[in-house]
Amino acid sequence: MNDLVEKINQWVIDRNLHTQDPRIQLCKTMEELGELVQAILKSKDAEAKDGVGDIVVTLICLCAQKGWDFEECVALAYDEIKDRKGRLVDGVFVKEKDLRIE
């Protein structure tokens, strides 16, 4: 994965995207997310896979614009969830602290 992130970061730099407004990049991420939603809802797996990749690319670009390390962001998220406990409720993972005790 490191090699792909480096290649994408270089692609971002080559196109001078790292100097652009991260708010605009965030809108691009949301656009790509909408396309992923449509692909999933229509059971178009090839388009959905492409959509996941597109979202990752937009997030790597966003990190470059903010001066953040993408892998560090992912590591921070993993550290937050690695020991998380909970259970599936109607197909959705609910954190233990958010479960109602009945």
PDB file of N, CA and C in Angstrom:
ATOM      1  N   MET A   1       0.825  -1.200   0.000  1.00  0.00           N
ATOM      2  CA  MET A   1       0.000   0.000   0.000  1.00  0.00           C
ATOM      3  C   MET A   1       0.866   1.261   0.000  1.00  0.00           C
ATOM      4  N   ASN A   2       1.992   1.203   0.718  1.00  0.00           N
ATOM      5  CA  ASN A   2       2.868   2.378   0.790  1.00  0.00           C
ATOM      6  C   ASN A   2       3.266   2.867  -0.593  1.00  0.00           C
ATOM      7  N   ASP A   3       3.582   1.922  -1.484  1.00  0.00           N
ATOM      8  CA  ASP A   3       4.019   2.295  -2.826  1.00  0.00           C
ATOM      9  C   ASP A   3       2.904   3.001  -3.584  1.00  0.00           C
ATOM     10  N   LEU A   4       1.682   2.501  -3.472  1.00  0.00           N
ATOM     11  CA  LEU A   4       0.555   3.145  -4.146  1.00  0.00           C
ATOM     12  C   LEU A   4       0.294   4.538  -3.596  1.00  0.00           C
ATOM     13  N   VAL A   5       0.364   4.692  -2.282  1.00  0.00           N
ATOM     14  CA  VAL A   5       0.163   6.015  -1.679  1.00  0.00           C
ATOM     15  C   VAL A   5       1.230   6.974  -2.184  1.00  0.00           C
ATOM     16  N   GLU A   6       2.478   6.514  -2.259  1.00  0.00           N
ATOM     17  CA  GLU A   6       3.559   7.360  -2.773  1.00  0.00           C
ATOM     18  C   GLU A   6       3.305   7.748  -4.232  1.00  0.00           C
ATOM     19  N   LYS A   7       2.855   6.789  -5.047  1.00  0.00           N
ATOM     20  CA  LYS A   7       2.570   7.088  -6.456  1.00  0.00           C
ATOM     21  C   LYS A   7       1.432   8.104  -6.576  1.00  0.00           C
ATOM     22  N   ILE A   8       0.415   7.947  -5.760  1.00  0.00           N
ATOM     23  CA  ILE A   8      -0.708   8.884  -5.802  1.00  0.00           C
ATOM     24  C   ILE A   8      -0.260  10.259  -5.331  1.00  0.00           C
ATOM     25  N   ASN A   9       0.548  10.305  -4.266  1.00  0.00           N
ATOM     26  CA  ASN A   9       1.075  11.592  -3.798  1.00  0.00           C
ATOM     27  C   ASN A   9       1.886  12.274  -4.893  1.00  0.00           C
ATOM     28  N   GLN A  10       2.676  11.509  -5.636  1.00  0.00           N
ATOM     29  CA  GLN A  10       3.455  12.090  -6.728  1.00  0.00           C
ATOM     30  C   GLN A  10       2.543  12.592  -7.834  1.00  0.00           C
ATOM     31  N   TRP A  11       1.488  11.846  -8.122  1.00  0.00           N
ATOM     32  CA  TRP A  11       0.496  12.260  -9.120  1.00  0.00           C
ATOM     33  C   TRP A  11      -0.130  13.599  -8.710  1.00  0.00           C
ATOM     34  N   VAL A  12      -0.437  13.725  -7.411  1.00  0.00           N
ATOM     35  CA  VAL A  12      -1.016  14.966  -6.874  1.00  0.00           C
ATOM     36  C   VAL A  12      -0.040  16.124  -7.065  1.00  0.00           C
ATOM     37  N   ILE A  13       1.217  15.901  -6.744  1.00  0.00           N
ATOM     38  CA  ILE A  13       2.241  16.949  -6.873  1.00  0.00           C
ATOM     39  C   ILE A  13       2.450  17.316  -8.338  1.00  0.00           C
ATOM     40  N   ASP A  14       2.520  16.302  -9.206  1.00  0.00           N
ATOM     41  CA  ASP A  14       2.743  16.559 -10.636  1.00  0.00           C
ATOM     42  C   ASP A  14       1.656  17.440 -11.236  1.00  0.00           C
ATOM     43  N   ARG A  15       0.478  17.400 -10.668  1.00  0.00           N
ATOM     44  CA  ARG A  15      -0.647  18.189 -11.183  1.00  0.00           C
ATOM     45  C   ARG A  15      -0.908  19.442 -10.348  1.00  0.00           C
ATOM     46  N   ASN A  16      -0.003  19.702  -9.403  1.00  0.00           N
ATOM     47  CA  ASN A  16      -0.087  20.876  -8.536  1.00  0.00           C
ATOM     48  C   ASN A  16      -1.366  20.897  -7.689  1.00  0.00           C
ATOM     49  N   LEU A  17      -1.946  19.735  -7.478  1.00  0.00           N
ATOM     50  CA  LEU A  17      -3.177  19.661  -6.682  1.00  0.00           C
ATOM     51  C   LEU A  17      -2.920  19.898  -5.193  1.00  0.00           C
ATOM     52  N   HIS A  18      -1.705  19.637  -4.746  1.00  0.00           N
ATOM     53  CA  HIS A  18      -1.372  19.794  -3.327  1.00  0.00           C
ATOM     54  C   HIS A  18      -1.435  21.249  -2.867  1.00  0.00           C
ATOM     55  N   THR A  19      -1.467  22.178  -3.813  1.00  0.00           N
ATOM     56  CA  THR A  19      -1.506  23.603  -3.462  1.00  0.00           C
ATOM     57  C   THR A  19      -2.919  24.175  -3.513  1.00  0.00           C
ATOM     58  N   GLN A  20      -3.896  23.326  -3.808  1.00  0.00           N
ATOM     59  CA  GLN A  20      -5.259  23.800  -4.019  1.00  0.00           C
ATOM     60  C   GLN A  20      -6.074  23.791  -2.715  1.00  0.00           C
ATOM     61  N   ASP A  21      -7.254  24.339  -2.781  1.00  0.00           N
ATOM     62  CA  ASP A  21      -8.147  24.507  -1.634  1.00  0.00           C
ATOM     63  C   ASP A  21      -8.716  23.161  -1.184  1.00  0.00           C
ATOM     64  N   PRO A  22      -8.435  22.726   0.043  1.00  0.00           N
ATOM     65  CA  PRO A  22      -8.944  21.441   0.522  1.00  0.00           C
ATOM     66  C   PRO A  22     -10.474  21.395   0.613  1.00  0.00           C
ATOM     67  N   ARG A  23     -11.114  22.541   0.704  1.00  0.00           N
ATOM     68  CA  ARG A  23     -12.586  22.542   0.738  1.00  0.00           C
ATOM     69  C   ARG A  23     -13.159  22.056  -0.588  1.00  0.00           C
ATOM     70  N   ILE A  24     -12.509  22.431  -1.668  1.00  0.00           N
ATOM     71  CA  ILE A  24     -12.935  21.966  -2.987  1.00  0.00           C
ATOM     72  C   ILE A  24     -12.672  20.468  -3.115  1.00  0.00           C
ATOM     73  N   GLN A  25     -11.535  20.030  -2.592  1.00  0.00           N
ATOM     74  CA  GLN A  25     -11.213  18.600  -2.640  1.00  0.00           C
ATOM     75  C   GLN A  25     -12.216  17.800  -1.825  1.00  0.00           C
ATOM     76  N   LEU A  26     -12.645  18.340  -0.717  1.00  0.00           N
ATOM     77  CA  LEU A  26     -13.654  17.659   0.093  1.00  0.00           C
ATOM     78  C   LEU A  26     -14.951  17.487  -0.696  1.00  0.00           C
ATOM     79  N   CYS A  27     -15.313  18.494  -1.471  1.00  0.00           N
ATOM     80  CA  CYS A  27     -16.504  18.377  -2.328  1.00  0.00           C
ATOM     81  C   CYS A  27     -16.311  17.268  -3.355  1.00  0.00           C
ATOM     82  N   LYS A  28     -15.097  17.146  -3.894  1.00  0.00           N
ATOM     83  CA  LYS A  28     -14.802  16.070  -4.851  1.00  0.00           C
ATOM     84  C   LYS A  28     -14.948  14.715  -4.167  1.00  0.00           C
ATOM     85  N   THR A  29     -14.484  14.615  -2.937  1.00  0.00           N
ATOM     86  CA  THR A  29     -14.627  13.364  -2.187  1.00  0.00           C
ATOM     87  C   THR A  29     -16.100  13.013  -2.020  1.00  0.00           C
ATOM     88  N   MET A  30     -16.903  14.002  -1.688  1.00  0.00           N
ATOM     89  CA  MET A  30     -18.343  13.764  -1.512  1.00  0.00           C
ATOM     90  C   MET A  30     -19.001  13.349  -2.834  1.00  0.00           C
ATOM     91  N   GLU A  31     -18.556  13.941  -3.933  1.00  0.00           N
ATOM     92  CA  GLU A  31     -19.072  13.561  -5.251  1.00  0.00           C
ATOM     93  C   GLU A  31     -18.757  12.090  -5.527  1.00  0.00           C
ATOM     94  N   GLU A  32     -17.521  11.706  -5.260  1.00  0.00           N
ATOM     95  CA  GLU A  32     -17.121  10.310  -5.471  1.00  0.00           C
ATOM     96  C   GLU A  32     -17.891   9.368  -4.540  1.00  0.00           C
ATOM     97  N   LEU A  33     -18.147   9.804  -3.320  1.00  0.00           N
ATOM     98  CA  LEU A  33     -18.928   8.995  -2.386  1.00  0.00           C
ATOM     99  C   LEU A  33     -20.342   8.776  -2.927  1.00  0.00           C
ATOM    100  N   GLY A  34     -20.940   9.821  -3.492  1.00  0.00           N
ATOM    101  CA  GLY A  34     -22.260   9.695  -4.090  1.00  0.00           C
ATOM    102  C   GLY A  34     -22.265   8.678  -5.221  1.00  0.00           C
ATOM    103  N   GLU A  35     -21.196   8.684  -6.032  1.00  0.00           N
ATOM    104  CA  GLU A  35     -21.095   7.717  -7.126  1.00  0.00           C
ATOM    105  C   GLU A  35     -20.967   6.297  -6.570  1.00  0.00           C
ATOM    106  N   LEU A  36     -20.236   6.150  -5.473  1.00  0.00           N
ATOM    107  CA  LEU A  36     -20.116   4.829  -4.837  1.00  0.00           C
ATOM    108  C   LEU A  36     -21.468   4.356  -4.328  1.00  0.00           C
ATOM    109  N   VAL A  37     -22.200   5.240  -3.694  1.00  0.00           N
ATOM    110  CA  VAL A  37     -23.533   4.893  -3.191  1.00  0.00           C
ATOM    111  C   VAL A  37     -24.407   4.385  -4.336  1.00  0.00           C
ATOM    112  N   GLN A  38     -24.420   5.106  -5.441  1.00  0.00           N
ATOM    113  CA  GLN A  38     -25.230   4.696  -6.593  1.00  0.00           C
ATOM    114  C   GLN A  38     -24.799   3.330  -7.113  1.00  0.00           C
ATOM    115  N   ALA A  39     -23.501   3.104  -7.209  1.00  0.00           N
ATOM    116  CA  ALA A  39     -23.003   1.816  -7.702  1.00  0.00           C
ATOM    117  C   ALA A  39     -23.404   0.669  -6.773  1.00  0.00           C
ATOM    118  N   ILE A  40     -23.306   0.899  -5.459  1.00  0.00           N
ATOM    119  CA  ILE A  40     -23.698  -0.141  -4.486  1.00  0.00           C
ATOM    120  C   ILE A  40     -25.192  -0.404  -4.590  1.00  0.00           C
ATOM    121  N   LEU A  41     -25.981   0.647  -4.636  1.00  0.00           N
ATOM    122  CA  LEU A  41     -27.439   0.479  -4.703  1.00  0.00           C
ATOM    123  C   LEU A  41     -27.875  -0.242  -5.972  1.00  0.00           C
ATOM    124  N   LYS A  42     -27.111  -0.080  -7.038  1.00  0.00           N
ATOM    125  CA  LYS A  42     -27.452  -0.720  -8.312  1.00  0.00           C
ATOM    126  C   LYS A  42     -26.709  -2.047  -8.513  1.00  0.00           C
ATOM    127  N   SER A  43     -25.997  -2.492  -7.467  1.00  0.00           N
ATOM    128  CA  SER A  43     -25.240  -3.758  -7.509  1.00  0.00           C
ATOM    129  C   SER A  43     -24.251  -3.801  -8.672  1.00  0.00           C
ATOM    130  N   LYS A  44     -23.595  -2.692  -8.925  1.00  0.00           N
ATOM    131  CA  LYS A  44     -22.580  -2.607  -9.976  1.00  0.00           C
ATOM    132  C   LYS A  44     -21.206  -2.684  -9.316  1.00  0.00           C
ATOM    133  N   ASP A  45     -20.740  -3.908  -9.096  1.00  0.00           N
ATOM    134  CA  ASP A  45     -19.522  -4.122  -8.328  1.00  0.00           C
ATOM    135  C   ASP A  45     -18.276  -3.479  -8.942  1.00  0.00           C
ATOM    136  N   ALA A  46     -18.118  -3.570 -10.243  1.00  0.00           N
ATOM    137  CA  ALA A  46     -16.929  -2.979 -10.876  1.00  0.00           C
ATOM    138  C   ALA A  46     -16.896  -1.466 -10.653  1.00  0.00           C
ATOM    139  N   GLU A  47     -18.054  -0.832 -10.802  1.00  0.00           N
ATOM    140  CA  GLU A  47     -18.127   0.617 -10.567  1.00  0.00           C
ATOM    141  C   GLU A  47     -17.920   0.937  -9.090  1.00  0.00           C
ATOM    142  N   ALA A  48     -18.410   0.083  -8.212  1.00  0.00           N
ATOM    143  CA  ALA A  48     -18.243   0.307  -6.779  1.00  0.00           C
ATOM    144  C   ALA A  48     -16.768   0.203  -6.382  1.00  0.00           C
ATOM    145  N   LYS A  49     -16.079  -0.793  -6.920  1.00  0.00           N
ATOM    146  CA  LYS A  49     -14.644  -0.932  -6.623  1.00  0.00           C
ATOM    147  C   LYS A  49     -13.882   0.304  -7.099  1.00  0.00           C
ATOM    148  N   ASP A  50     -14.202   0.760  -8.308  1.00  0.00           N
ATOM    149  CA  ASP A  50     -13.581   1.967  -8.829  1.00  0.00           C
ATOM    150  C   ASP A  50     -13.898   3.160  -7.919  1.00  0.00           C
ATOM    151  N   GLY A  51     -15.118   3.203  -7.426  1.00  0.00           N
ATOM    152  CA  GLY A  51     -15.530   4.290  -6.534  1.00  0.00           C
ATOM    153  C   GLY A  51     -14.742   4.307  -5.233  1.00  0.00           C
ATOM    154  N   VAL A  52     -14.519   3.136  -4.668  1.00  0.00           N
ATOM    155  CA  VAL A  52     -13.704   3.059  -3.446  1.00  0.00           C
ATOM    156  C   VAL A  52     -12.312   3.618  -3.729  1.00  0.00           C
ATOM    157  N   GLY A  53     -11.722   3.194  -4.838  1.00  0.00           N
ATOM    158  CA  GLY A  53     -10.399   3.706  -5.205  1.00  0.00           C
ATOM    159  C   GLY A  53     -10.401   5.205  -5.412  1.00  0.00           C
ATOM    160  N   ASP A  54     -11.433   5.704  -6.101  1.00  0.00           N
ATOM    161  CA  ASP A  54     -11.528   7.151  -6.335  1.00  0.00           C
ATOM    162  C   ASP A  54     -11.597   7.921  -5.022  1.00  0.00           C
ATOM    163  N   ILE A  55     -12.342   7.391  -4.066  1.00  0.00           N
ATOM    164  CA  ILE A  55     -12.462   8.061  -2.768  1.00  0.00           C
ATOM    165  C   ILE A  55     -11.118   8.096  -2.063  1.00  0.00           C
ATOM    166  N   VAL A  56     -10.395   6.984  -2.098  1.00  0.00           N
ATOM    167  CA  VAL A  56      -9.072   6.946  -1.468  1.00  0.00           C
ATOM    168  C   VAL A  56      -8.154   7.978  -2.119  1.00  0.00           C
ATOM    169  N   VAL A  57      -8.173   8.061  -3.445  1.00  0.00           N
ATOM    170  CA  VAL A  57      -7.338   9.046  -4.138  1.00  0.00           C
ATOM    171  C   VAL A  57      -7.695  10.461  -3.697  1.00  0.00           C
ATOM    172  N   THR A  58      -8.991  10.765  -3.608  1.00  0.00           N
ATOM    173  CA  THR A  58      -9.370  12.124  -3.200  1.00  0.00           C
ATOM    174  C   THR A  58      -8.945  12.406  -1.764  1.00  0.00           C
ATOM    175  N   LEU A  59      -8.970  11.395  -0.916  1.00  0.00           N
ATOM    176  CA  LEU A  59      -8.545  11.588   0.476  1.00  0.00           C
ATOM    177  C   LEU A  59      -7.031  11.769   0.582  1.00  0.00           C
ATOM    178  N   ILE A  60      -6.280  11.041  -0.227  1.00  0.00           N
ATOM    179  CA  ILE A  60      -4.828  11.230  -0.244  1.00  0.00           C
ATOM    180  C   ILE A  60      -4.509  12.652  -0.717  1.00  0.00           C
ATOM    181  N   CYS A  61      -5.239  13.115  -1.721  1.00  0.00           N
ATOM    182  CA  CYS A  61      -5.051  14.484  -2.212  1.00  0.00           C
ATOM    183  C   CYS A  61      -5.402  15.499  -1.119  1.00  0.00           C
ATOM    184  N   LEU A  62      -6.481  15.280  -0.427  1.00  0.00           N
ATOM    185  CA  LEU A  62      -6.886  16.162   0.670  1.00  0.00           C
ATOM    186  C   LEU A  62      -5.794  16.228   1.739  1.00  0.00           C
ATOM    187  N   CYS A  63      -5.249  15.067   2.086  1.00  0.00           N
ATOM    188  CA  CYS A  63      -4.169  15.043   3.083  1.00  0.00           C
ATOM    189  C   CYS A  63      -2.966  15.851   2.610  1.00  0.00           C
ATOM    190  N   ALA A  64      -2.624  15.710   1.333  1.00  0.00           N
ATOM    191  CA  ALA A  64      -1.496  16.487   0.788  1.00  0.00           C
ATOM    192  C   ALA A  64      -1.774  17.978   0.893  1.00  0.00           C
ATOM    193  N   GLN A  65      -2.996  18.370   0.621  1.00  0.00           N
ATOM    194  CA  GLN A  65      -3.356  19.788   0.692  1.00  0.00           C
ATOM    195  C   GLN A  65      -3.289  20.316   2.125  1.00  0.00           C
ATOM    196  N   LYS A  66      -3.592  19.463   3.085  1.00  0.00           N
ATOM    197  CA  LYS A  66      -3.575  19.875   4.497  1.00  0.00           C
ATOM    198  C   LYS A  66      -2.208  19.663   5.145  1.00  0.00           C
ATOM    199  N   GLY A  67      -1.281  19.026   4.420  1.00  0.00           N
ATOM    200  CA  GLY A  67       0.035  18.741   4.992  1.00  0.00           C
ATOM    201  C   GLY A  67       0.012  17.559   5.951  1.00  0.00           C
ATOM    202  N   TRP A  68      -0.947  16.681   5.777  1.00  0.00           N
ATOM    203  CA  TRP A  68      -1.095  15.502   6.633  1.00  0.00           C
ATOM    204  C   TRP A  68      -0.549  14.274   5.922  1.00  0.00           C
ATOM    205  N   ASP A  69      -0.116  13.312   6.700  1.00  0.00           N
ATOM    206  CA  ASP A  69       0.319  12.032   6.168  1.00  0.00           C
ATOM    207  C   ASP A  69      -0.890  11.084   6.146  1.00  0.00           C
ATOM    208  N   PHE A  70      -1.253  10.614   4.956  1.00  0.00           N
ATOM    209  CA  PHE A  70      -2.432   9.758   4.796  1.00  0.00           C
ATOM    210  C   PHE A  70      -2.340   8.511   5.670  1.00  0.00           C
ATOM    211  N   GLU A  71      -1.202   7.849   5.644  1.00  0.00           N
ATOM    212  CA  GLU A  71      -1.055   6.614   6.411  1.00  0.00           C
ATOM    213  C   GLU A  71      -1.151   6.879   7.918  1.00  0.00           C
ATOM    214  N   GLU A  72      -0.671   8.023   8.363  1.00  0.00           N
ATOM    215  CA  GLU A  72      -0.817   8.385   9.769  1.00  0.00           C
ATOM    216  C   GLU A  72      -2.293   8.548  10.128  1.00  0.00           C
ATOM    217  N   CYS A  73      -3.058   9.164   9.232  1.00  0.00           N
ATOM    218  CA  CYS A  73      -4.500   9.323   9.471  1.00  0.00           C
ATOM    219  C   CYS A  73      -5.187   7.963   9.593  1.00  0.00           C
ATOM    220  N   VAL A  74      -4.818   7.042   8.702  1.00  0.00           N
ATOM    221  CA  VAL A  74      -5.409   5.698   8.754  1.00  0.00           C
ATOM    222  C   VAL A  74      -4.976   4.987  10.036  1.00  0.00           C
ATOM    223  N   ALA A  75      -3.717   5.148  10.413  1.00  0.00           N
ATOM    224  CA  ALA A  75      -3.224   4.527  11.647  1.00  0.00           C
ATOM    225  C   ALA A  75      -3.954   5.079  12.873  1.00  0.00           C
ATOM    226  N   LEU A  76      -4.222   6.383  12.886  1.00  0.00           N
ATOM    227  CA  LEU A  76      -4.970   6.981  13.996  1.00  0.00           C
ATOM    228  C   LEU A  76      -6.379   6.385  14.084  1.00  0.00           C
ATOM    229  N   ALA A  77      -7.010   6.210  12.939  1.00  0.00           N
ATOM    230  CA  ALA A  77      -8.352   5.618  12.915  1.00  0.00           C
ATOM    231  C   ALA A  77      -8.305   4.168  13.397  1.00  0.00           C
ATOM    232  N   TYR A  78      -7.298   3.430  12.948  1.00  0.00           N
ATOM    233  CA  TYR A  78      -7.183   2.036  13.378  1.00  0.00           C
ATOM    234  C   TYR A  78      -6.953   1.946  14.883  1.00  0.00           C
ATOM    235  N   ASP A  79      -6.064   2.793  15.394  1.00  0.00           N
ATOM    236  CA  ASP A  79      -5.802   2.782  16.839  1.00  0.00           C
ATOM    237  C   ASP A  79      -7.083   3.036  17.635  1.00  0.00           C
ATOM    238  N   GLU A  80      -7.968   3.844  17.070  1.00  0.00           N
ATOM    239  CA  GLU A  80      -9.225   4.162  17.750  1.00  0.00           C
ATOM    240  C   GLU A  80     -10.202   2.978  17.738  1.00  0.00           C
ATOM    241  N   ILE A  81     -10.169   2.180  16.683  1.00  0.00           N
ATOM    242  CA  ILE A  81     -11.159   1.102  16.560  1.00  0.00           C
ATOM    243  C   ILE A  81     -10.652  -0.283  16.938  1.00  0.00           C
ATOM    244  N   LYS A  82      -9.331  -0.472  17.025  1.00  0.00           N
ATOM    245  CA  LYS A  82      -8.776  -1.822  17.153  1.00  0.00           C
ATOM    246  C   LYS A  82      -9.314  -2.602  18.349  1.00  0.00           C
ATOM    247  N   ASP A  83      -9.609  -1.949  19.423  1.00  0.00           N
ATOM    248  CA  ASP A  83     -10.104  -2.648  20.610  1.00  0.00           C
ATOM    249  C   ASP A  83     -11.584  -2.370  20.872  1.00  0.00           C
ATOM    250  N   ARG A  84     -12.235  -1.751  19.921  1.00  0.00           N
ATOM    251  CA  ARG A  84     -13.640  -1.383  20.086  1.00  0.00           C
ATOM    252  C   ARG A  84     -14.506  -2.629  20.174  1.00  0.00           C
ATOM    253  N   LYS A  85     -15.419  -2.586  21.099  1.00  0.00           N
ATOM    254  CA  LYS A  85     -16.368  -3.677  21.266  1.00  0.00           C
ATOM    255  C   LYS A  85     -17.766  -3.162  20.969  1.00  0.00           C
ATOM    256  N   GLY A  86     -18.623  -4.077  20.592  1.00  0.00           N
ATOM    257  CA  GLY A  86     -19.994  -3.743  20.266  1.00  0.00           C
ATOM    258  C   GLY A  86     -20.665  -4.944  19.650  1.00  0.00           C
ATOM    259  N   ARG A  87     -21.737  -4.694  18.938  1.00  0.00           N
ATOM    260  CA  ARG A  87     -22.421  -5.800  18.267  1.00  0.00           C
ATOM    261  C   ARG A  87     -23.212  -5.269  17.077  1.00  0.00           C
ATOM    262  N   LEU A  88     -23.582  -6.199  16.219  1.00  0.00           N
ATOM    263  CA  LEU A  88     -24.389  -5.850  15.062  1.00  0.00           C
ATOM    264  C   LEU A  88     -25.844  -5.714  15.482  1.00  0.00           C
ATOM    265  N   VAL A  89     -26.447  -4.621  15.095  1.00  0.00           N
ATOM    266  CA  VAL A  89     -27.871  -4.389  15.323  1.00  0.00           C
ATOM    267  C   VAL A  89     -28.473  -4.066  13.963  1.00  0.00           C
ATOM    268  N   ASP A  90     -29.311  -4.947  13.472  1.00  0.00           N
ATOM    269  CA  ASP A  90     -29.913  -4.777  12.142  1.00  0.00           C
ATOM    270  C   ASP A  90     -28.858  -4.529  11.065  1.00  0.00           C
ATOM    271  N   GLY A  91     -27.740  -5.256  11.171  1.00  0.00           N
ATOM    272  CA  GLY A  91     -26.684  -5.160  10.172  1.00  0.00           C
ATOM    273  C   GLY A  91     -25.735  -3.990  10.338  1.00  0.00           C
ATOM    274  N   VAL A  92     -25.885  -3.224  11.408  1.00  0.00           N
ATOM    275  CA  VAL A  92     -25.026  -2.064  11.666  1.00  0.00           C
ATOM    276  C   VAL A  92     -24.249  -2.310  12.947  1.00  0.00           C
ATOM    277  N   PHE A  93     -22.915  -2.111  12.903  1.00  0.00           N
ATOM    278  CA  PHE A  93     -22.105  -2.260  14.109  1.00  0.00           C
ATOM    279  C   PHE A  93     -22.362  -1.078  15.035  1.00  0.00           C
ATOM    280  N   VAL A  94     -22.763  -1.371  16.256  1.00  0.00           N
ATOM    281  CA  VAL A  94     -23.038  -0.338  17.251  1.00  0.00           C
ATOM    282  C   VAL A  94     -22.007  -0.489  18.361  1.00  0.00           C
ATOM    283  N   LYS A  95     -21.328   0.615  18.654  1.00  0.00           N
ATOM    284  CA  LYS A  95     -20.318   0.602  19.714  1.00  0.00           C
ATOM    285  C   LYS A  95     -20.969   0.220  21.046  1.00  0.00           C
ATOM    286  N   GLU A  96     -20.207  -0.501  21.842  1.00  0.00           N
ATOM    287  CA  GLU A  96     -20.690  -0.955  23.134  1.00  0.00           C
ATOM    288  C   GLU A  96     -21.253   0.186  23.972  1.00  0.00           C
ATOM    289  N   LYS A  97     -20.574   1.335  23.967  1.00  0.00           N
ATOM    290  CA  LYS A  97     -21.023   2.457  24.785  1.00  0.00           C
ATOM    291  C   LYS A  97     -22.355   3.047  24.299  1.00  0.00           C
ATOM    292  N   ASP A  98     -22.704   2.769  23.025  1.00  0.00           N
ATOM    293  CA  ASP A  98     -23.947   3.298  22.466  1.00  0.00           C
ATOM    294  C   ASP A  98     -25.116   2.318  22.553  1.00  0.00           C
ATOM    295  N   LEU A  99     -24.845   1.115  23.027  1.00  0.00           N
ATOM    296  CA  LEU A  99     -25.910   0.124  23.165  1.00  0.00           C
ATOM    297  C   LEU A  99     -26.759   0.463  24.377  1.00  0.00           C
ATOM    298  N   ARG A 100     -28.048   0.378  24.200  1.00  0.00           N
ATOM    299  CA  ARG A 100     -28.979   0.593  25.323  1.00  0.00           C
ATOM    300  C   ARG A 100     -29.096  -0.688  26.122  1.00  0.00           C
ATOM    301  N   ILE A 101     -29.076  -0.535  27.391  1.00  0.00           N
ATOM    302  CA  ILE A 101     -29.287  -1.681  28.264  1.00  0.00           C
ATOM    303  C   ILE A 101     -30.782  -1.730  28.563  1.00  0.00           C
ATOM    304  N   GLU A 102     -31.388  -2.826  28.153  1.00  0.00           N
ATOM    305  CA  GLU A 102     -32.838  -2.933  28.337  1.00  0.00           C
ATOM    306  C   GLU A 102     -33.186  -3.974  29.350  1.00  0.00           C
TER     307      GLU A 102
END
